[in-house]
Each structure stands twice: as structure tokens, then as C-alpha cells.
């Protein structure tokens, strides 16, 4: 596979080491190309705010900490979320 995804959100706001993030990314990309994203970032953020994991206007994410372990985080800055959306959009084009 050999995908090196040195994107700024890869460490998920300090919650995941870069080696594990790379393993997860490579595993996902190993299934093939991501589908093209047609939604605008603003629309994705709007949908996130109405997600079932959102409580009192705060979006909660289930984030990997290491292979097989996750953490619920509510302190992910919007800039990191936007960066992740942009990176997924770029990967979907390649």
C-alpha cells in the first residue's frame, strides 16, 4: 500500500500517534479510492451539529487512540474538522 498521509489532522488533535494514524489511513485506502465528495464543508458541519452524538450543541467524536481503542472527544476544534474534510476531499480526487 505505502500511502504516506502527512496531513495536519492525522494525529487527531494530539489524540493519536502518527504511526497508528498511518496504519489506519493505509487500511482504509487499501480498499480502493474514496467516493467523490459532492457536499460543501458548511453542509457537512451543519449535519454534524445535528448528529445523534451532538449534545447541547457540542459535537462528540469517537476517535481512535490506538488500534482497537477509542475515545469520545468533544474538544475537537472546528479548524481540525475542516482540515479533515478537506483532506478527505483531496483523497477522493486522487
PDB file of N, CA and C in Angstrom:
ATOM      1  N   UNK A   1       0.837  -1.188   0.000  1.00  0.00           N
ATOM      2  CA  UNK A   1       0.000   0.000   0.000  1.00  0.00           C
ATOM      3  C   UNK A   1       0.875   1.242   0.000  1.00  0.00           C
ATOM      4  N   UNK A   2       1.605   1.495   1.071  1.00  0.00           N
ATOM      5  CA  UNK A   2       2.606   2.534   1.065  1.00  0.00           C
ATOM      6  C   UNK A   2       2.108   3.965   1.007  1.00  0.00           C
ATOM      7  N   UNK A   3       0.897   4.223   1.388  1.00  0.00           N
ATOM      8  CA  UNK A   3       0.394   5.604   1.379  1.00  0.00           C
ATOM      9  C   UNK A   3       0.944   6.346   2.585  1.00  0.00           C
ATOM     10  N   UNK A   4       1.622   7.455   2.346  1.00  0.00           N
ATOM     11  CA  UNK A   4       2.076   8.274   3.464  1.00  0.00           C
ATOM     12  C   UNK A   4       1.200   9.507   3.487  1.00  0.00           C
ATOM     13  N   UNK A   5       0.336   9.599   4.447  1.00  0.00           N
ATOM     14  CA  UNK A   5      -0.624  10.703   4.511  1.00  0.00           C
ATOM     15  C   UNK A   5      -0.218  11.667   5.605  1.00  0.00           C
ATOM     16  N   UNK A   6       0.692  12.599   5.285  1.00  0.00           N
ATOM     17  CA  UNK A   6       1.196  13.537   6.278  1.00  0.00           C
ATOM     18  C   UNK A   6       0.296  14.739   6.435  1.00  0.00           C
ATOM     19  N   UNK A   7      -0.971  14.542   6.613  1.00  0.00           N
ATOM     20  CA  UNK A   7      -1.907  15.652   6.715  1.00  0.00           C
ATOM     21  C   UNK A   7      -1.930  16.225   8.129  1.00  0.00           C
ATOM     22  N   UNK A   8      -2.316  17.488   8.275  1.00  0.00           N
ATOM     23  CA  UNK A   8      -2.237  18.156   9.576  1.00  0.00           C
ATOM     24  C   UNK A   8      -3.164  17.601  10.648  1.00  0.00           C
ATOM     25  N   UNK A   9      -4.251  16.949  10.283  1.00  0.00           N
ATOM     26  CA  UNK A   9      -5.163  16.421  11.297  1.00  0.00           C
ATOM     27  C   UNK A   9      -4.872  14.968  11.623  1.00  0.00           C
ATOM     28  N   UNK A  10      -3.848  14.410  10.990  1.00  0.00           N
ATOM     29  CA  UNK A  10      -3.586  12.980  11.114  1.00  0.00           C
ATOM     30  C   UNK A  10      -3.480  12.536  12.566  1.00  0.00           C
ATOM     31  N   UNK A  11      -2.856  13.324  13.382  1.00  0.00           N
ATOM     32  CA  UNK A  11      -2.723  12.946  14.793  1.00  0.00           C
ATOM     33  C   UNK A  11      -3.979  13.265  15.592  1.00  0.00           C
ATOM     34  N   UNK A  12      -5.041  13.647  14.910  1.00  0.00           N
ATOM     35  CA  UNK A  12      -6.347  13.867  15.516  1.00  0.00           C
ATOM     36  C   UNK A  12      -6.274  14.705  16.786  1.00  0.00           C
ATOM     37  N   UNK A  13      -5.705  15.898  16.589  1.00  0.00           N
ATOM     38  CA  UNK A  13      -5.667  16.857  17.690  1.00  0.00           C
ATOM     39  C   UNK A  13      -4.915  16.292  18.890  1.00  0.00           C
ATOM     40  N   UNK A  14      -3.775  15.620  18.594  1.00  0.00           N
ATOM     41  CA  UNK A  14      -2.935  15.095  19.659  1.00  0.00           C
ATOM     42  C   UNK A  14      -3.439  13.830  20.313  1.00  0.00           C
ATOM     43  N   UNK A  15      -4.429  13.188  19.749  1.00  0.00           N
ATOM     44  CA  UNK A  15      -5.037  12.026  20.388  1.00  0.00           C
ATOM     45  C   UNK A  15      -4.533  10.700  19.815  1.00  0.00           C
ATOM     46  N   UNK A  16      -3.762  10.748  18.744  1.00  0.00           N
ATOM     47  CA  UNK A  16      -3.338   9.527  18.071  1.00  0.00           C
ATOM     48  C   UNK A  16      -1.933   9.731  17.524  1.00  0.00           C
ATOM     49  N   UNK A  17      -1.051   8.768  17.761  1.00  0.00           N
ATOM     50  CA  UNK A  17       0.301   8.917  17.236  1.00  0.00           C
ATOM     51  C   UNK A  17       0.308   8.729  15.719  1.00  0.00           C
ATOM     52  N   UNK A  18       1.297   9.306  15.063  1.00  0.00           N
ATOM     53  CA  UNK A  18       1.319   9.340  13.604  1.00  0.00           C
ATOM     54  C   UNK A  18       1.485   7.950  12.988  1.00  0.00           C
ATOM     55  N   UNK A  19       2.170   7.038  13.657  1.00  0.00           N
ATOM     56  CA  UNK A  19       2.340   5.681  13.122  1.00  0.00           C
ATOM     57  C   UNK A  19       0.990   4.966  13.064  1.00  0.00           C
ATOM     58  N   UNK A  20       0.242   5.036  14.155  1.00  0.00           N
ATOM     59  CA  UNK A  20      -1.076   4.392  14.192  1.00  0.00           C
ATOM     60  C   UNK A  20      -2.016   5.069  13.207  1.00  0.00           C
ATOM     61  N   UNK A  21      -1.969   6.393  13.126  1.00  0.00           N
ATOM     62  CA  UNK A  21      -2.810   7.113  12.162  1.00  0.00           C
ATOM     63  C   UNK A  21      -2.499   6.655  10.744  1.00  0.00           C
ATOM     64  N   UNK A  22      -1.224   6.476  10.436  1.00  0.00           N
ATOM     65  CA  UNK A  22      -0.832   5.995   9.120  1.00  0.00           C
ATOM     66  C   UNK A  22      -1.348   4.594   8.847  1.00  0.00           C
ATOM     67  N   UNK A  23      -1.291   3.728   9.851  1.00  0.00           N
ATOM     68  CA  UNK A  23      -1.810   2.362   9.685  1.00  0.00           C
ATOM     69  C   UNK A  23      -3.307   2.373   9.398  1.00  0.00           C
ATOM     70  N   UNK A  24      -4.042   3.208  10.125  1.00  0.00           N
ATOM     71  CA  UNK A  24      -5.488   3.289   9.912  1.00  0.00           C
ATOM     72  C   UNK A  24      -5.777   3.835   8.518  1.00  0.00           C
ATOM     73  N   UNK A  25      -5.088   4.908   8.149  1.00  0.00           N
ATOM     74  CA  UNK A  25      -5.277   5.512   6.829  1.00  0.00           C
ATOM     75  C   UNK A  25      -4.964   4.509   5.719  1.00  0.00           C
ATOM     76  N   UNK A  26      -3.848   3.819   5.840  1.00  0.00           N
ATOM     77  CA  UNK A  26      -3.472   2.834   4.826  1.00  0.00           C
ATOM     78  C   UNK A  26      -4.483   1.706   4.730  1.00  0.00           C
ATOM     79  N   UNK A  27      -5.034   1.290   5.877  1.00  0.00           N
ATOM     80  CA  UNK A  27      -6.043   0.230   5.864  1.00  0.00           C
ATOM     81  C   UNK A  27      -7.292   0.666   5.112  1.00  0.00           C
ATOM     82  N   UNK A  28      -7.738   1.879   5.377  1.00  0.00           N
ATOM     83  CA  UNK A  28      -8.935   2.398   4.700  1.00  0.00           C
ATOM     84  C   UNK A  28      -8.677   2.539   3.206  1.00  0.00           C
ATOM     85  N   UNK A  29      -7.544   3.159   2.859  1.00  0.00           N
ATOM     86  CA  UNK A  29      -7.237   3.386   1.451  1.00  0.00           C
ATOM     87  C   UNK A  29      -6.917   2.088   0.721  1.00  0.00           C
ATOM     88  N   UNK A  30      -6.581   1.042   1.450  1.00  0.00           N
ATOM     89  CA  UNK A  30      -6.327  -0.252   0.840  1.00  0.00           C
ATOM     90  C   UNK A  30      -7.557  -0.864   0.188  1.00  0.00           C
ATOM     91  N   UNK A  31      -8.745  -0.402   0.558  1.00  0.00           N
ATOM     92  CA  UNK A  31      -9.978  -0.888  -0.051  1.00  0.00           C
ATOM     93  C   UNK A  31     -10.231  -0.254  -1.413  1.00  0.00           C
ATOM     94  N   UNK A  32      -9.492   0.793  -1.743  1.00  0.00           N
ATOM     95  CA  UNK A  32      -9.658   1.469  -3.028  1.00  0.00           C
ATOM     96  C   UNK A  32      -9.934   2.947  -2.836  1.00  0.00           C
ATOM     97  N   UNK A  33     -10.244   3.596  -3.936  1.00  0.00           N
ATOM     98  CA  UNK A  33     -10.493   5.032  -3.911  1.00  0.00           C
ATOM     99  C   UNK A  33     -11.706   5.382  -3.073  1.00  0.00           C
ATOM    100  N   UNK A  34     -11.619   6.524  -2.429  1.00  0.00           N
ATOM    101  CA  UNK A  34     -12.772   7.033  -1.697  1.00  0.00           C
ATOM    102  C   UNK A  34     -13.784   7.588  -2.697  1.00  0.00           C
ATOM    103  N   UNK A  35     -15.062   7.515  -2.374  1.00  0.00           N
ATOM    104  CA  UNK A  35     -16.060   8.097  -3.279  1.00  0.00           C
ATOM    105  C   UNK A  35     -15.923   9.617  -3.315  1.00  0.00           C
ATOM    106  N   UNK A  36     -16.247  10.199  -4.445  1.00  0.00           N
ATOM    107  CA  UNK A  36     -16.169  11.653  -4.613  1.00  0.00           C
ATOM    108  C   UNK A  36     -17.126  12.332  -3.655  1.00  0.00           C
ATOM    109  N   UNK A  37     -16.665  13.413  -3.032  1.00  0.00           N
ATOM    110  CA  UNK A  37     -17.496  14.177  -2.100  1.00  0.00           C
ATOM    111  C   UNK A  37     -18.139  15.342  -2.840  1.00  0.00           C
ATOM    112  N   UNK A  38     -19.440  15.356  -2.841  1.00  0.00           N
ATOM    113  CA  UNK A  38     -20.164  16.423  -3.512  1.00  0.00           C
ATOM    114  C   UNK A  38     -20.668  17.486  -2.538  1.00  0.00           C
ATOM    115  N   UNK A  39     -20.652  17.185  -1.242  1.00  0.00           N
ATOM    116  CA  UNK A  39     -21.173  18.129  -0.252  1.00  0.00           C
ATOM    117  C   UNK A  39     -20.161  19.222   0.058  1.00  0.00           C
ATOM    118  N   UNK A  40     -20.677  20.400   0.344  1.00  0.00           N
ATOM    119  CA  UNK A  40     -19.825  21.505   0.761  1.00  0.00           C
ATOM    120  C   UNK A  40     -19.488  21.346   2.236  1.00  0.00           C
ATOM    121  N   UNK A  41     -18.336  21.860   2.620  1.00  0.00           N
ATOM    122  CA  UNK A  41     -17.887  21.764   4.009  1.00  0.00           C
ATOM    123  C   UNK A  41     -18.927  22.325   4.969  1.00  0.00           C
ATOM    124  N   UNK A  42     -19.512  23.446   4.630  1.00  0.00           N
ATOM    125  CA  UNK A  42     -20.526  24.054   5.505  1.00  0.00           C
ATOM    126  C   UNK A  42     -21.710  23.117   5.716  1.00  0.00           C
ATOM    127  N   UNK A  43     -22.107  22.389   4.684  1.00  0.00           N
ATOM    128  CA  UNK A  43     -23.219  21.443   4.814  1.00  0.00           C
ATOM    129  C   UNK A  43     -22.844  20.252   5.692  1.00  0.00           C
ATOM    130  N   UNK A  44     -21.601  19.797   5.578  1.00  0.00           N
ATOM    131  CA  UNK A  44     -21.145  18.695   6.419  1.00  0.00           C
ATOM    132  C   UNK A  44     -21.136  19.134   7.886  1.00  0.00           C
ATOM    133  N   UNK A  45     -20.616  20.335   8.150  1.00  0.00           N
ATOM    134  CA  UNK A  45     -20.600  20.848   9.524  1.00  0.00           C
ATOM    135  C   UNK A  45     -22.019  20.986  10.078  1.00  0.00           C
ATOM    136  N   UNK A  46     -22.942  21.434   9.244  1.00  0.00           N
ATOM    137  CA  UNK A  46     -24.338  21.569   9.674  1.00  0.00           C
ATOM    138  C   UNK A  46     -24.914  20.199  10.050  1.00  0.00           C
ATOM    139  N   UNK A  47     -24.609  19.198   9.238  1.00  0.00           N
ATOM    140  CA  UNK A  47     -25.106  17.849   9.530  1.00  0.00           C
ATOM    141  C   UNK A  47     -24.460  17.283  10.794  1.00  0.00           C
ATOM    142  N   UNK A  48     -23.181  17.570  10.980  1.00  0.00           N
ATOM    143  CA  UNK A  48     -22.515  17.123  12.210  1.00  0.00           C
ATOM    144  C   UNK A  48     -23.215  17.672  13.442  1.00  0.00           C
ATOM    145  N   UNK A  49     -23.612  18.940  13.378  1.00  0.00           N
ATOM    146  CA  UNK A  49     -24.256  19.582  14.529  1.00  0.00           C
ATOM    147  C   UNK A  49     -25.624  18.976  14.849  1.00  0.00           C
ATOM    148  N   UNK A  50     -26.200  18.269  13.870  1.00  0.00           N
ATOM    149  CA  UNK A  50     -27.495  17.637  14.116  1.00  0.00           C
ATOM    150  C   UNK A  50     -27.360  16.124  14.309  1.00  0.00           C
ATOM    151  N   UNK A  51     -26.124  15.639  14.397  1.00  0.00           N
ATOM    152  CA  UNK A  51     -25.858  14.215  14.569  1.00  0.00           C
ATOM    153  C   UNK A  51     -26.318  13.745  15.949  1.00  0.00           C
ATOM    154  N   UNK A  52     -26.608  12.459  16.068  1.00  0.00           N
ATOM    155  CA  UNK A  52     -27.088  11.906  17.335  1.00  0.00           C
ATOM    156  C   UNK A  52     -26.039  11.981  18.450  1.00  0.00           C
ATOM    157  N   UNK A  53     -24.771  12.144  18.098  1.00  0.00           N
ATOM    158  CA  UNK A  53     -23.731  12.262  19.124  1.00  0.00           C
ATOM    159  C   UNK A  53     -23.548  13.703  19.599  1.00  0.00           C
ATOM    160  N   UNK A  54     -24.273  14.644  19.003  1.00  0.00           N
ATOM    161  CA  UNK A  54     -24.192  16.043  19.410  1.00  0.00           C
ATOM    162  C   UNK A  54     -25.119  16.263  20.602  1.00  0.00           C
ATOM    163  N   UNK A  55     -24.553  16.839  21.651  1.00  0.00           N
ATOM    164  CA  UNK A  55     -25.324  17.117  22.869  1.00  0.00           C
ATOM    165  C   UNK A  55     -25.176  18.589  23.216  1.00  0.00           C
ATOM    166  N   UNK A  56     -26.301  19.273  23.366  1.00  0.00           N
ATOM    167  CA  UNK A  56     -26.329  20.688  23.729  1.00  0.00           C
ATOM    168  C   UNK A  56     -25.414  21.516  22.829  1.00  0.00           C
ATOM    169  N   UNK A  57     -25.465  21.205  21.532  1.00  0.00           N
ATOM    170  CA  UNK A  57     -24.698  21.959  20.549  1.00  0.00           C
ATOM    171  C   UNK A  57     -23.235  21.581  20.440  1.00  0.00           C
ATOM    172  N   UNK A  58     -22.784  20.601  21.216  1.00  0.00           N
ATOM    173  CA  UNK A  58     -21.383  20.174  21.184  1.00  0.00           C
ATOM    174  C   UNK A  58     -21.290  18.844  20.445  1.00  0.00           C
ATOM    175  N   UNK A  59     -20.469  18.817  19.394  1.00  0.00           N
ATOM    176  CA  UNK A  59     -20.284  17.605  18.608  1.00  0.00           C
ATOM    177  C   UNK A  59     -19.310  16.693  19.349  1.00  0.00           C
ATOM    178  N   UNK A  60     -19.691  15.439  19.492  1.00  0.00           N
ATOM    179  CA  UNK A  60     -18.841  14.436  20.121  1.00  0.00           C
ATOM    180  C   UNK A  60     -18.353  13.474  19.036  1.00  0.00           C
ATOM    181  N   UNK A  61     -17.058  13.216  19.035  1.00  0.00           N
ATOM    182  CA  UNK A  61     -16.470  12.312  18.056  1.00  0.00           C
ATOM    183  C   UNK A  61     -15.962  11.063  18.759  1.00  0.00           C
ATOM    184  N   UNK A  62     -16.098   9.930  18.096  1.00  0.00           N
ATOM    185  CA  UNK A  62     -15.492   8.696  18.556  1.00  0.00           C
ATOM    186  C   UNK A  62     -14.183   8.587  17.780  1.00  0.00           C
ATOM    187  N   UNK A  63     -13.060   8.829  18.474  1.00  0.00           N
ATOM    188  CA  UNK A  63     -11.756   8.897  17.829  1.00  0.00           C
ATOM    189  C   UNK A  63     -10.882   7.722  18.245  1.00  0.00           C
ATOM    190  N   UNK A  64     -10.128   7.176  17.287  1.00  0.00           N
ATOM    191  CA  UNK A  64      -9.199   6.106  17.656  1.00  0.00           C
ATOM    192  C   UNK A  64      -8.054   6.642  18.499  1.00  0.00           C
ATOM    193  N   UNK A  65      -7.671   5.883  19.521  1.00  0.00           N
ATOM    194  CA  UNK A  65      -6.498   6.216  20.345  1.00  0.00           C
ATOM    195  C   UNK A  65      -5.334   5.318  19.941  1.00  0.00           C
ATOM    196  N   UNK A  66      -5.685   4.085  19.642  1.00  0.00           N
ATOM    197  CA  UNK A  66      -4.744   3.104  19.122  1.00  0.00           C
ATOM    198  C   UNK A  66      -5.600   2.017  18.502  1.00  0.00           C
ATOM    199  N   UNK A  67      -4.979   1.061  17.829  1.00  0.00           N
ATOM    200  CA  UNK A  67      -5.744   0.004  17.188  1.00  0.00           C
ATOM    201  C   UNK A  67      -6.578  -0.710  18.255  1.00  0.00           C
ATOM    202  N   UNK A  68      -7.895  -0.731  18.055  1.00  0.00           N
ATOM    203  CA  UNK A  68      -8.802  -1.409  18.980  1.00  0.00           C
ATOM    204  C   UNK A  68      -9.283  -0.585  20.157  1.00  0.00           C
ATOM    205  N   UNK A  69      -8.823   0.664  20.279  1.00  0.00           N
ATOM    206  CA  UNK A  69      -9.244   1.507  21.400  1.00  0.00           C
ATOM    207  C   UNK A  69      -9.684   2.873  20.881  1.00  0.00           C
ATOM    208  N   UNK A  70     -10.796   3.356  21.427  1.00  0.00           N
ATOM    209  CA  UNK A  70     -11.326   4.654  21.015  1.00  0.00           C
ATOM    210  C   UNK A  70     -11.562   5.544  22.228  1.00  0.00           C
ATOM    211  N   UNK A  71     -11.798   6.808  21.944  1.00  0.00           N
ATOM    212  CA  UNK A  71     -12.089   7.798  22.978  1.00  0.00           C
ATOM    213  C   UNK A  71     -13.189   8.711  22.445  1.00  0.00           C
ATOM    214  N   UNK A  72     -14.090   9.109  23.307  1.00  0.00           N
ATOM    215  CA  UNK A  72     -15.102  10.092  22.926  1.00  0.00           C
ATOM    216  C   UNK A  72     -14.531  11.469  23.235  1.00  0.00           C
ATOM    217  N   UNK A  73     -14.480  12.323  22.220  1.00  0.00           N
ATOM    218  CA  UNK A  73     -13.881  13.652  22.371  1.00  0.00           C
ATOM    219  C   UNK A  73     -14.869  14.724  21.945  1.00  0.00           C
ATOM    220  N   UNK A  74     -14.937  15.770  22.741  1.00  0.00           N
ATOM    221  CA  UNK A  74     -15.813  16.897  22.410  1.00  0.00           C
ATOM    222  C   UNK A  74     -15.007  18.181  22.260  1.00  0.00           C
ATOM    223  N   UNK A  75     -13.691  18.058  22.273  1.00  0.00           N
ATOM    224  CA  UNK A  75     -12.835  19.241  22.226  1.00  0.00           C
ATOM    225  C   UNK A  75     -12.083  19.379  20.901  1.00  0.00           C
ATOM    226  N   UNK A  76     -12.657  18.878  19.823  1.00  0.00           N
ATOM    227  CA  UNK A  76     -12.004  18.966  18.519  1.00  0.00           C
ATOM    228  C   UNK A  76     -12.346  20.319  17.899  1.00  0.00           C
ATOM    229  N   UNK A  77     -11.345  21.163  17.670  1.00  0.00           N
ATOM    230  CA  UNK A  77     -11.612  22.490  17.101  1.00  0.00           C
ATOM    231  C   UNK A  77     -12.175  22.400  15.680  1.00  0.00           C
ATOM    232  N   UNK A  78     -13.020  23.356  15.342  1.00  0.00           N
ATOM    233  CA  UNK A  78     -13.627  23.361  14.012  1.00  0.00           C
ATOM    234  C   UNK A  78     -12.559  23.403  12.918  1.00  0.00           C
ATOM    235  N   UNK A  79     -11.440  24.062  13.155  1.00  0.00           N
ATOM    236  CA  UNK A  79     -10.364  24.119  12.152  1.00  0.00           C
ATOM    237  C   UNK A  79      -9.835  22.719  11.832  1.00  0.00           C
ATOM    238  N   UNK A  80      -9.744  21.855  12.839  1.00  0.00           N
ATOM    239  CA  UNK A  80      -9.287  20.478  12.624  1.00  0.00           C
ATOM    240  C   UNK A  80     -10.332  19.699  11.831  1.00  0.00           C
ATOM    241  N   UNK A  81     -11.601  19.917  12.149  1.00  0.00           N
ATOM    242  CA  UNK A  81     -12.681  19.243  11.419  1.00  0.00           C
ATOM    243  C   UNK A  81     -12.661  19.673   9.960  1.00  0.00           C
ATOM    244  N   UNK A  82     -12.537  20.971   9.714  1.00  0.00           N
ATOM    245  CA  UNK A  82     -12.466  21.471   8.335  1.00  0.00           C
ATOM    246  C   UNK A  82     -11.260  20.890   7.600  1.00  0.00           C
ATOM    247  N   UNK A  83     -10.127  20.817   8.285  1.00  0.00           N
ATOM    248  CA  UNK A  83      -8.924  20.253   7.691  1.00  0.00           C
ATOM    249  C   UNK A  83      -9.136  18.784   7.310  1.00  0.00           C
ATOM    250  N   UNK A  84      -9.786  18.035   8.183  1.00  0.00           N
ATOM    251  CA  UNK A  84     -10.064  16.628   7.905  1.00  0.00           C
ATOM    252  C   UNK A  84     -10.997  16.486   6.701  1.00  0.00           C
ATOM    253  N   UNK A  85     -12.017  17.311   6.631  1.00  0.00           N
ATOM    254  CA  UNK A  85     -12.942  17.276   5.496  1.00  0.00           C
ATOM    255  C   UNK A  85     -12.193  17.595   4.210  1.00  0.00           C
ATOM    256  N   UNK A  86     -11.344  18.603   4.239  1.00  0.00           N
ATOM    257  CA  UNK A  86     -10.556  18.972   3.053  1.00  0.00           C
ATOM    258  C   UNK A  86      -9.633  17.833   2.627  1.00  0.00           C
ATOM    259  N   UNK A  87      -9.001  17.179   3.594  1.00  0.00           N
ATOM    260  CA  UNK A  87      -8.104  16.070   3.272  1.00  0.00           C
ATOM    261  C   UNK A  87      -8.867  14.903   2.664  1.00  0.00           C
ATOM    262  N   UNK A  88     -10.029  14.585   3.203  1.00  0.00           N
ATOM    263  CA  UNK A  88     -10.850  13.508   2.632  1.00  0.00           C
ATOM    264  C   UNK A  88     -11.250  13.864   1.209  1.00  0.00           C
ATOM    265  N   UNK A  89     -11.608  15.123   0.990  1.00  0.00           N
ATOM    266  CA  UNK A  89     -11.977  15.578  -0.345  1.00  0.00           C
ATOM    267  C   UNK A  89     -10.794  15.402  -1.313  1.00  0.00           C
ATOM    268  N   UNK A  90      -9.593  15.755  -0.890  1.00  0.00           N
ATOM    269  CA  UNK A  90      -8.399  15.585  -1.739  1.00  0.00           C
ATOM    270  C   UNK A  90      -8.138  14.118  -2.045  1.00  0.00           C
ATOM    271  N   UNK A  91      -8.241  13.274  -1.028  1.00  0.00           N
ATOM    272  CA  UNK A  91      -8.023  11.838  -1.237  1.00  0.00           C
ATOM    273  C   UNK A  91      -9.049  11.250  -2.186  1.00  0.00           C
ATOM    274  N   UNK A  92     -10.265  11.772  -2.161  1.00  0.00           N
ATOM    275  CA  UNK A  92     -11.321  11.264  -3.037  1.00  0.00           C
ATOM    276  C   UNK A  92     -11.059  11.636  -4.494  1.00  0.00           C
ATOM    277  N   UNK A  93     -10.295  12.666  -4.733  1.00  0.00           N
ATOM    278  CA  UNK A  93      -9.979  13.085  -6.114  1.00  0.00           C
ATOM    279  C   UNK A  93      -8.843  12.276  -6.718  1.00  0.00           C
ATOM    280  N   UNK A  94      -7.944  11.748  -5.888  1.00  0.00           N
ATOM    281  CA  UNK A  94      -6.761  11.040  -6.390  1.00  0.00           C
ATOM    282  C   UNK A  94      -7.059   9.622  -6.768  1.00  0.00           C
TER     283      UNK A  94
END
